[in-house]
Amino acid sequence: MGTLYIVATPIGNLSDITYRAIETLKNVDTIACEDTRHTLGLLNKYEIKKPLISYYAAEEEKGISRILSRLDKGESVAYVSDAGTPGLSDPGGYLVRKVREKDHEIIPIPGPSAFAALISIGGVSGKTILFEGFLSPKKGKRKNRLAQLLERDESFVIYESPFRVIKLLEELKELAPDRKIVVGRELTKKFEEILYGNSETIIDFLAIKGKIQGEFSILVCEKKYG
């Protein structure tokens, strides 16, 4: 039987990759990835030369067929997403289910995560933290889910794009204006920013900056925070 390695890769700073991830990528027969051009940048930095095959959300079945054909031959395949841990708000979950159905071995290679990075500087005291990932882009569904999350006692983390982050912050301001939040923009990258305050203060800060760029990770702290 073959072996599938689920390999976490840097979320920005390429130096954040683990030794184990590098060794895994060097030793497998094939590397499957979301975007071959993106992954080549990482592989070139560490002088890794391996055959690449694509696996991304829009063509999952074709990608899974390519990967399974190699695993069925007893080969080893590493799967990486564009950044972070596959299966954690990235493609990978469906692949793992299909590979498990065929009784191939699956091994996780842990590494960088925007969720973990943000929690480490959040200062929250609760033992339970909810990871929500991306909310629905539809206003009604997004706002309803946000209201449900705010009713809970624990902290939670949301990912958001630069195109919708202001809308999200405005909804937070409407629903829970006093809740403390920690925002990570472009975590681990050259222009990383960590913002702390309530939704209004962060909206004002982003307004001063003008054009909003980069990916956002948002920690909404528990009700009793501070």
C-alpha atoms as a PDB file:
ATOM      1  CA  MET A   1       0.000   0.000   0.000  1.00  0.00           C
ATOM      2  CA  GLY A   2       1.045   3.588  -0.465  1.00  0.00           C
ATOM      3  CA  THR A   3       1.507   6.372   2.068  1.00  0.00           C
ATOM      4  CA  LEU A   4      -0.036   9.841   1.945  1.00  0.00           C
ATOM      5  CA  TYR A   5       1.679  12.570   3.946  1.00  0.00           C
ATOM      6  CA  ILE A   6      -0.379  15.651   4.832  1.00  0.00           C
ATOM      7  CA  VAL A   7       2.344  18.289   5.055  1.00  0.00           C
ATOM      8  CA  ALA A   8       1.894  21.715   6.640  1.00  0.00           C
ATOM      9  CA  THR A   9       3.843  24.456   4.851  1.00  0.00           C
ATOM     10  CA  PRO A  10       4.592  28.096   5.775  1.00  0.00           C
ATOM     11  CA  ILE A  11       1.727  30.583   5.861  1.00  0.00           C
ATOM     12  CA  GLY A  12       4.031  33.337   4.638  1.00  0.00           C
ATOM     13  CA  ASN A  13       7.617  33.257   5.826  1.00  0.00           C
ATOM     14  CA  LEU A  14       9.271  30.332   4.031  1.00  0.00           C
ATOM     15  CA  SER A  15      11.711  29.875   6.910  1.00  0.00           C
ATOM     16  CA  ASP A  16       8.872  28.627   9.123  1.00  0.00           C
ATOM     17  CA  ILE A  17       8.883  25.178   7.531  1.00  0.00           C
ATOM     18  CA  THR A  18       9.943  22.302   9.805  1.00  0.00           C
ATOM     19  CA  TYR A  19      12.949  20.033   9.247  1.00  0.00           C
ATOM     20  CA  ARG A  20      10.593  17.072   9.176  1.00  0.00           C
ATOM     21  CA  ALA A  21       8.481  18.671   6.416  1.00  0.00           C
ATOM     22  CA  ILE A  22      11.591  19.303   4.320  1.00  0.00           C
ATOM     23  CA  GLU A  23      12.805  15.731   4.765  1.00  0.00           C
ATOM     24  CA  THR A  24       9.364  14.387   3.891  1.00  0.00           C
ATOM     25  CA  LEU A  25       9.152  16.443   0.700  1.00  0.00           C
ATOM     26  CA  LYS A  26      12.651  15.294  -0.281  1.00  0.00           C
ATOM     27  CA  ASN A  27      11.906  11.610   0.251  1.00  0.00           C
ATOM     28  CA  VAL A  28       8.424  11.070  -1.202  1.00  0.00           C
ATOM     29  CA  ASP A  29       7.901   9.881  -4.758  1.00  0.00           C
ATOM     30  CA  THR A  30       5.454  12.638  -5.708  1.00  0.00           C
ATOM     31  CA  ILE A  31       4.152  15.936  -4.328  1.00  0.00           C
ATOM     32  CA  ALA A  32       0.509  16.902  -4.834  1.00  0.00           C
ATOM     33  CA  CYS A  33      -0.372  20.568  -4.436  1.00  0.00           C
ATOM     34  CA  GLU A  34      -3.033  23.202  -5.021  1.00  0.00           C
ATOM     35  CA  ASP A  35      -0.950  25.373  -7.354  1.00  0.00           C
ATOM     36  CA  THR A  36       2.223  23.914  -8.840  1.00  0.00           C
ATOM     37  CA  ARG A  37       3.672  27.369  -9.536  1.00  0.00           C
ATOM     38  CA  HIS A  38       3.179  28.440  -5.930  1.00  0.00           C
ATOM     39  CA  THR A  39       4.650  25.246  -4.497  1.00  0.00           C
ATOM     40  CA  LEU A  40       7.677  25.468  -6.807  1.00  0.00           C
ATOM     41  CA  GLY A  41       8.744  28.631  -4.982  1.00  0.00           C
ATOM     42  CA  LEU A  42       8.981  26.695  -1.724  1.00  0.00           C
ATOM     43  CA  LEU A  43      10.632  23.663  -3.281  1.00  0.00           C
ATOM     44  CA  ASN A  44      13.222  25.754  -5.124  1.00  0.00           C
ATOM     45  CA  LYS A  45      14.219  27.491  -1.880  1.00  0.00           C
ATOM     46  CA  TYR A  46      15.067  24.143  -0.312  1.00  0.00           C
ATOM     47  CA  GLU A  47      16.446  22.569  -3.510  1.00  0.00           C
ATOM     48  CA  ILE A  48      13.763  19.905  -3.666  1.00  0.00           C
ATOM     49  CA  LYS A  49      13.067  18.383  -7.068  1.00  0.00           C
ATOM     50  CA  LYS A  50      10.109  16.030  -7.262  1.00  0.00           C
ATOM     51  CA  PRO A  51       7.293  15.320  -9.748  1.00  0.00           C
ATOM     52  CA  LEU A  52       4.282  17.551  -9.054  1.00  0.00           C
ATOM     53  CA  ILE A  53       0.605  16.803  -9.594  1.00  0.00           C
ATOM     54  CA  SER A  54      -2.269  19.201  -8.984  1.00  0.00           C
ATOM     55  CA  TYR A  55      -5.082  18.699  -6.515  1.00  0.00           C
ATOM     56  CA  TYR A  56      -7.431  21.592  -5.847  1.00  0.00           C
ATOM     57  CA  ALA A  57     -11.029  22.132  -4.834  1.00  0.00           C
ATOM     58  CA  ALA A  58     -12.441  22.840  -8.309  1.00  0.00           C
ATOM     59  CA  GLU A  59     -11.315  19.458  -9.693  1.00  0.00           C
ATOM     60  CA  GLU A  60     -11.173  17.211  -6.639  1.00  0.00           C
ATOM     61  CA  GLU A  61     -12.154  13.991  -8.363  1.00  0.00           C
ATOM     62  CA  LYS A  62      -9.475  14.283 -11.060  1.00  0.00           C
ATOM     63  CA  GLY A  63      -6.841  15.108  -8.458  1.00  0.00           C
ATOM     64  CA  ILE A  64      -7.851  12.222  -6.205  1.00  0.00           C
ATOM     65  CA  SER A  65      -7.707   9.825  -9.148  1.00  0.00           C
ATOM     66  CA  ARG A  66      -4.133  10.906  -9.904  1.00  0.00           C
ATOM     67  CA  ILE A  67      -3.074  10.533  -6.275  1.00  0.00           C
ATOM     68  CA  LEU A  68      -4.772   7.165  -5.751  1.00  0.00           C
ATOM     69  CA  SER A  69      -3.194   5.743  -8.894  1.00  0.00           C
ATOM     70  CA  ARG A  70       0.219   6.408  -7.375  1.00  0.00           C
ATOM     71  CA  LEU A  71      -0.699   5.162  -3.911  1.00  0.00           C
ATOM     72  CA  ASP A  72      -2.123   1.966  -5.414  1.00  0.00           C
ATOM     73  CA  LYS A  73       1.323   1.307  -6.890  1.00  0.00           C
ATOM     74  CA  GLY A  74       2.833   1.536  -3.419  1.00  0.00           C
ATOM     75  CA  GLU A  75       4.286   4.998  -3.912  1.00  0.00           C
ATOM     76  CA  SER A  76       4.466   7.773  -1.309  1.00  0.00           C
ATOM     77  CA  VAL A  77       2.727  11.082  -1.947  1.00  0.00           C
ATOM     78  CA  ALA A  78       2.963  14.344   0.009  1.00  0.00           C
ATOM     79  CA  TYR A  79       0.047  16.751  -0.193  1.00  0.00           C
ATOM     80  CA  VAL A  80       0.573  20.457   0.471  1.00  0.00           C
ATOM     81  CA  SER A  81      -1.856  23.352   0.183  1.00  0.00           C
ATOM     82  CA  ASP A  82      -0.762  26.838  -0.865  1.00  0.00           C
ATOM     83  CA  ALA A  83      -0.127  27.736   2.779  1.00  0.00           C
ATOM     84  CA  GLY A  84      -0.643  26.257   6.222  1.00  0.00           C
ATOM     85  CA  THR A  85      -2.137  22.916   7.148  1.00  0.00           C
ATOM     86  CA  PRO A  86      -4.212  21.042   4.545  1.00  0.00           C
ATOM     87  CA  GLY A  87      -7.681  20.298   5.841  1.00  0.00           C
ATOM     88  CA  LEU A  88      -7.691  23.324   8.172  1.00  0.00           C
ATOM     89  CA  SER A  89      -9.707  25.810   6.099  1.00  0.00           C
ATOM     90  CA  ASP A  90      -7.745  24.489   3.086  1.00  0.00           C
ATOM     91  CA  PRO A  91      -8.457  21.605   0.681  1.00  0.00           C
ATOM     92  CA  GLY A  92      -7.483  18.205   1.985  1.00  0.00           C
ATOM     93  CA  GLY A  93     -10.356  16.797   4.022  1.00  0.00           C
ATOM     94  CA  TYR A  94     -12.067  15.067   1.099  1.00  0.00           C
ATOM     95  CA  LEU A  95      -8.750  13.682  -0.122  1.00  0.00           C
ATOM     96  CA  VAL A  96      -8.045  12.151   3.287  1.00  0.00           C
ATOM     97  CA  ARG A  97     -11.463  10.455   3.380  1.00  0.00           C
ATOM     98  CA  LYS A  98     -11.026   8.922  -0.066  1.00  0.00           C
ATOM     99  CA  VAL A  99      -7.495   7.716   0.642  1.00  0.00           C
ATOM    100  CA  ARG A 100      -8.598   6.195   3.958  1.00  0.00           C
ATOM    101  CA  GLU A 101     -11.388   4.305   2.171  1.00  0.00           C
ATOM    102  CA  LYS A 102      -8.669   2.574   0.130  1.00  0.00           C
ATOM    103  CA  ASP A 103      -6.770   1.624   3.312  1.00  0.00           C
ATOM    104  CA  HIS A 104      -3.629   3.553   2.444  1.00  0.00           C
ATOM    105  CA  GLU A 105      -1.576   4.911   5.343  1.00  0.00           C
ATOM    106  CA  ILE A 106      -2.010   8.626   6.135  1.00  0.00           C
ATOM    107  CA  ILE A 107       0.619  10.479   8.161  1.00  0.00           C
ATOM    108  CA  PRO A 108       0.313  14.124   9.353  1.00  0.00           C
ATOM    109  CA  ILE A 109       3.389  16.352   9.218  1.00  0.00           C
ATOM    110  CA  PRO A 110       2.442  19.301  11.483  1.00  0.00           C
ATOM    111  CA  GLY A 111       3.597  22.857  11.067  1.00  0.00           C
ATOM    112  CA  PRO A 112       2.553  26.513  10.748  1.00  0.00           C
ATOM    113  CA  SER A 113      -1.035  27.616  11.336  1.00  0.00           C
ATOM    114  CA  ALA A 114      -2.492  31.119  11.350  1.00  0.00           C
ATOM    115  CA  PHE A 115      -4.984  29.897  13.951  1.00  0.00           C
ATOM    116  CA  ALA A 116      -2.277  28.760  16.376  1.00  0.00           C
ATOM    117  CA  ALA A 117      -0.126  31.837  15.741  1.00  0.00           C
ATOM    118  CA  LEU A 118      -2.993  34.193  16.536  1.00  0.00           C
ATOM    119  CA  ILE A 119      -4.062  32.281  19.655  1.00  0.00           C
ATOM    120  CA  SER A 120      -0.496  32.440  20.984  1.00  0.00           C
ATOM    121  CA  ILE A 121      -0.640  36.246  21.139  1.00  0.00           C
ATOM    122  CA  GLY A 122      -4.322  36.538  22.043  1.00  0.00           C
ATOM    123  CA  GLY A 123      -3.958  36.415  25.799  1.00  0.00           C
ATOM    124  CA  VAL A 124      -7.198  34.490  26.242  1.00  0.00           C
ATOM    125  CA  SER A 125      -7.601  32.403  29.380  1.00  0.00           C
ATOM    126  CA  GLY A 126     -10.378  30.014  28.446  1.00  0.00           C
ATOM    127  CA  LYS A 127      -9.549  26.380  27.744  1.00  0.00           C
ATOM    128  CA  THR A 128     -11.987  26.200  24.829  1.00  0.00           C
ATOM    129  CA  ILE A 129     -11.454  28.195  21.645  1.00  0.00           C
ATOM    130  CA  LEU A 130     -13.701  27.701  18.640  1.00  0.00           C
ATOM    131  CA  PHE A 131     -12.237  27.727  15.127  1.00  0.00           C
ATOM    132  CA  GLU A 132     -14.890  28.895  12.676  1.00  0.00           C
ATOM    133  CA  GLY A 133     -12.750  29.543   9.600  1.00  0.00           C
ATOM    134  CA  PHE A 134     -14.414  31.535   6.825  1.00  0.00           C
ATOM    135  CA  LEU A 135     -17.989  32.693   7.359  1.00  0.00           C
ATOM    136  CA  SER A 136     -20.485  32.709   4.507  1.00  0.00           C
ATOM    137  CA  PRO A 137     -20.028  35.583   2.010  1.00  0.00           C
ATOM    138  CA  LYS A 138     -23.819  36.028   2.073  1.00  0.00           C
ATOM    139  CA  LYS A 139     -24.715  38.861   4.437  1.00  0.00           C
ATOM    140  CA  GLY A 140     -27.715  37.236   6.106  1.00  0.00           C
ATOM    141  CA  LYS A 141     -26.052  33.878   6.765  1.00  0.00           C
ATOM    142  CA  ARG A 142     -22.819  35.529   7.884  1.00  0.00           C
ATOM    143  CA  LYS A 143     -24.514  37.872  10.328  1.00  0.00           C
ATOM    144  CA  ASN A 144     -26.745  35.152  11.769  1.00  0.00           C
ATOM    145  CA  ARG A 145     -23.792  32.846  12.361  1.00  0.00           C
ATOM    146  CA  LEU A 146     -21.788  35.678  13.890  1.00  0.00           C
ATOM    147  CA  ALA A 147     -24.641  36.378  16.303  1.00  0.00           C
ATOM    148  CA  GLN A 148     -24.689  32.708  17.303  1.00  0.00           C
ATOM    149  CA  LEU A 149     -20.941  32.710  17.951  1.00  0.00           C
ATOM    150  CA  LEU A 150     -21.155  35.862  20.054  1.00  0.00           C
ATOM    151  CA  GLU A 151     -23.783  34.245  22.293  1.00  0.00           C
ATOM    152  CA  ARG A 152     -21.276  31.592  23.329  1.00  0.00           C
ATOM    153  CA  ASP A 153     -18.896  32.126  26.245  1.00  0.00           C
ATOM    154  CA  GLU A 154     -15.671  31.045  24.568  1.00  0.00           C
ATOM    155  CA  SER A 155     -13.342  32.885  22.204  1.00  0.00           C
ATOM    156  CA  PHE A 156     -13.486  32.099  18.491  1.00  0.00           C
ATOM    157  CA  VAL A 157     -11.334  32.619  15.415  1.00  0.00           C
ATOM    158  CA  ILE A 158     -12.502  33.696  11.970  1.00  0.00           C
ATOM    159  CA  TYR A 159     -10.538  33.977   8.741  1.00  0.00           C
ATOM    160  CA  GLU A 160     -11.473  36.753   6.333  1.00  0.00           C
ATOM    161  CA  SER A 161     -10.358  38.189   3.001  1.00  0.00           C
ATOM    162  CA  PRO A 162      -9.351  41.855   2.519  1.00  0.00           C
ATOM    163  CA  PHE A 163     -12.493  42.345   0.440  1.00  0.00           C
ATOM    164  CA  ARG A 164     -14.937  41.500   3.247  1.00  0.00           C
ATOM    165  CA  VAL A 165     -13.062  42.266   6.440  1.00  0.00           C
ATOM    166  CA  ILE A 166     -14.615  45.732   6.908  1.00  0.00           C
ATOM    167  CA  LYS A 167     -18.114  44.291   6.510  1.00  0.00           C
ATOM    168  CA  LEU A 168     -17.305  41.691   9.142  1.00  0.00           C
ATOM    169  CA  LEU A 169     -15.914  44.282  11.549  1.00  0.00           C
ATOM    170  CA  GLU A 170     -18.968  46.502  11.044  1.00  0.00           C
ATOM    171  CA  GLU A 171     -21.238  43.578  11.916  1.00  0.00           C
ATOM    172  CA  LEU A 172     -19.148  42.897  15.029  1.00  0.00           C
ATOM    173  CA  LYS A 173     -19.480  46.556  15.954  1.00  0.00           C
ATOM    174  CA  GLU A 174     -23.260  46.346  15.602  1.00  0.00           C
ATOM    175  CA  LEU A 175     -23.688  43.069  17.470  1.00  0.00           C
ATOM    176  CA  ALA A 176     -21.027  43.348  20.177  1.00  0.00           C
ATOM    177  CA  PRO A 177     -19.343  46.770  20.166  1.00  0.00           C
ATOM    178  CA  ASP A 178     -17.420  46.198  23.414  1.00  0.00           C
ATOM    179  CA  ARG A 179     -15.953  42.761  22.658  1.00  0.00           C
ATOM    180  CA  LYS A 180     -12.166  42.793  22.458  1.00  0.00           C
ATOM    181  CA  ILE A 181     -10.655  41.391  19.289  1.00  0.00           C
ATOM    182  CA  VAL A 182      -7.150  40.622  18.077  1.00  0.00           C
ATOM    183  CA  VAL A 183      -6.532  40.883  14.345  1.00  0.00           C
ATOM    184  CA  GLY A 184      -3.566  39.386  12.529  1.00  0.00           C
ATOM    185  CA  ARG A 185      -2.963  40.703   9.027  1.00  0.00           C
ATOM    186  CA  GLU A 186      -0.442  38.958   6.782  1.00  0.00           C
ATOM    187  CA  LEU A 187       0.803  36.791   9.653  1.00  0.00           C
ATOM    188  CA  THR A 188       4.501  35.823   9.363  1.00  0.00           C
ATOM    189  CA  LYS A 189       4.979  37.915   6.223  1.00  0.00           C
ATOM    190  CA  LYS A 190       7.058  41.055   5.652  1.00  0.00           C
ATOM    191  CA  PHE A 191       4.213  43.487   6.371  1.00  0.00           C
ATOM    192  CA  GLU A 192       2.680  41.579   9.277  1.00  0.00           C
ATOM    193  CA  GLU A 193       0.437  43.628  11.570  1.00  0.00           C
ATOM    194  CA  ILE A 194      -1.191  42.751  14.874  1.00  0.00           C
ATOM    195  CA  LEU A 195      -4.120  44.958  15.871  1.00  0.00           C
ATOM    196  CA  TYR A 196      -5.876  44.951  19.232  1.00  0.00           C
ATOM    197  CA  GLY A 197      -8.994  46.721  20.459  1.00  0.00           C
ATOM    198  CA  ASN A 198     -12.702  46.677  19.771  1.00  0.00           C
ATOM    199  CA  SER A 199     -14.181  46.591  16.280  1.00  0.00           C
ATOM    200  CA  GLU A 200     -14.574  50.374  16.065  1.00  0.00           C
ATOM    201  CA  THR A 201     -10.935  51.152  16.839  1.00  0.00           C
ATOM    202  CA  ILE A 202      -9.738  48.613  14.303  1.00  0.00           C
ATOM    203  CA  ILE A 203     -12.112  49.908  11.609  1.00  0.00           C
ATOM    204  CA  ASP A 204     -10.740  53.406  12.216  1.00  0.00           C
ATOM    205  CA  PHE A 205      -7.157  52.165  11.981  1.00  0.00           C
ATOM    206  CA  LEU A 206      -7.797  50.367   8.689  1.00  0.00           C
ATOM    207  CA  ALA A 207      -9.571  53.439   7.302  1.00  0.00           C
ATOM    208  CA  ILE A 208      -6.445  55.515   7.888  1.00  0.00           C
ATOM    209  CA  LYS A 209      -4.340  53.000   5.951  1.00  0.00           C
ATOM    210  CA  GLY A 210      -6.531  53.293   2.880  1.00  0.00           C
ATOM    211  CA  LYS A 211      -6.460  50.267   0.554  1.00  0.00           C
ATOM    212  CA  ILE A 212      -6.775  47.046   2.528  1.00  0.00           C
ATOM    213  CA  GLN A 213      -4.531  44.180   1.494  1.00  0.00           C
ATOM    214  CA  GLY A 214      -3.565  40.789   2.869  1.00  0.00           C
ATOM    215  CA  GLU A 215      -5.343  37.916   4.562  1.00  0.00           C
ATOM    216  CA  PHE A 216      -6.886  38.420   8.013  1.00  0.00           C
ATOM    217  CA  SER A 217      -7.180  36.154  11.028  1.00  0.00           C
ATOM    218  CA  ILE A 218      -9.518  37.511  13.703  1.00  0.00           C
ATOM    219  CA  LEU A 219      -9.707  36.357  17.322  1.00  0.00           C
ATOM    220  CA  VAL A 220     -12.907  37.459  19.071  1.00  0.00           C
ATOM    221  CA  CYS A 221     -12.092  37.173  22.762  1.00  0.00           C
ATOM    222  CA  GLU A 222     -14.374  35.575  25.320  1.00  0.00           C
ATOM    223  CA  LYS A 223     -16.990  37.744  27.039  1.00  0.00           C
ATOM    224  CA  LYS A 224     -15.048  37.849  30.317  1.00  0.00           C
ATOM    225  CA  TYR A 225     -11.756  38.872  28.619  1.00  0.00           C
ATOM    226  CA  GLY A 226      -9.726  41.481  30.498  1.00  0.00           C
END
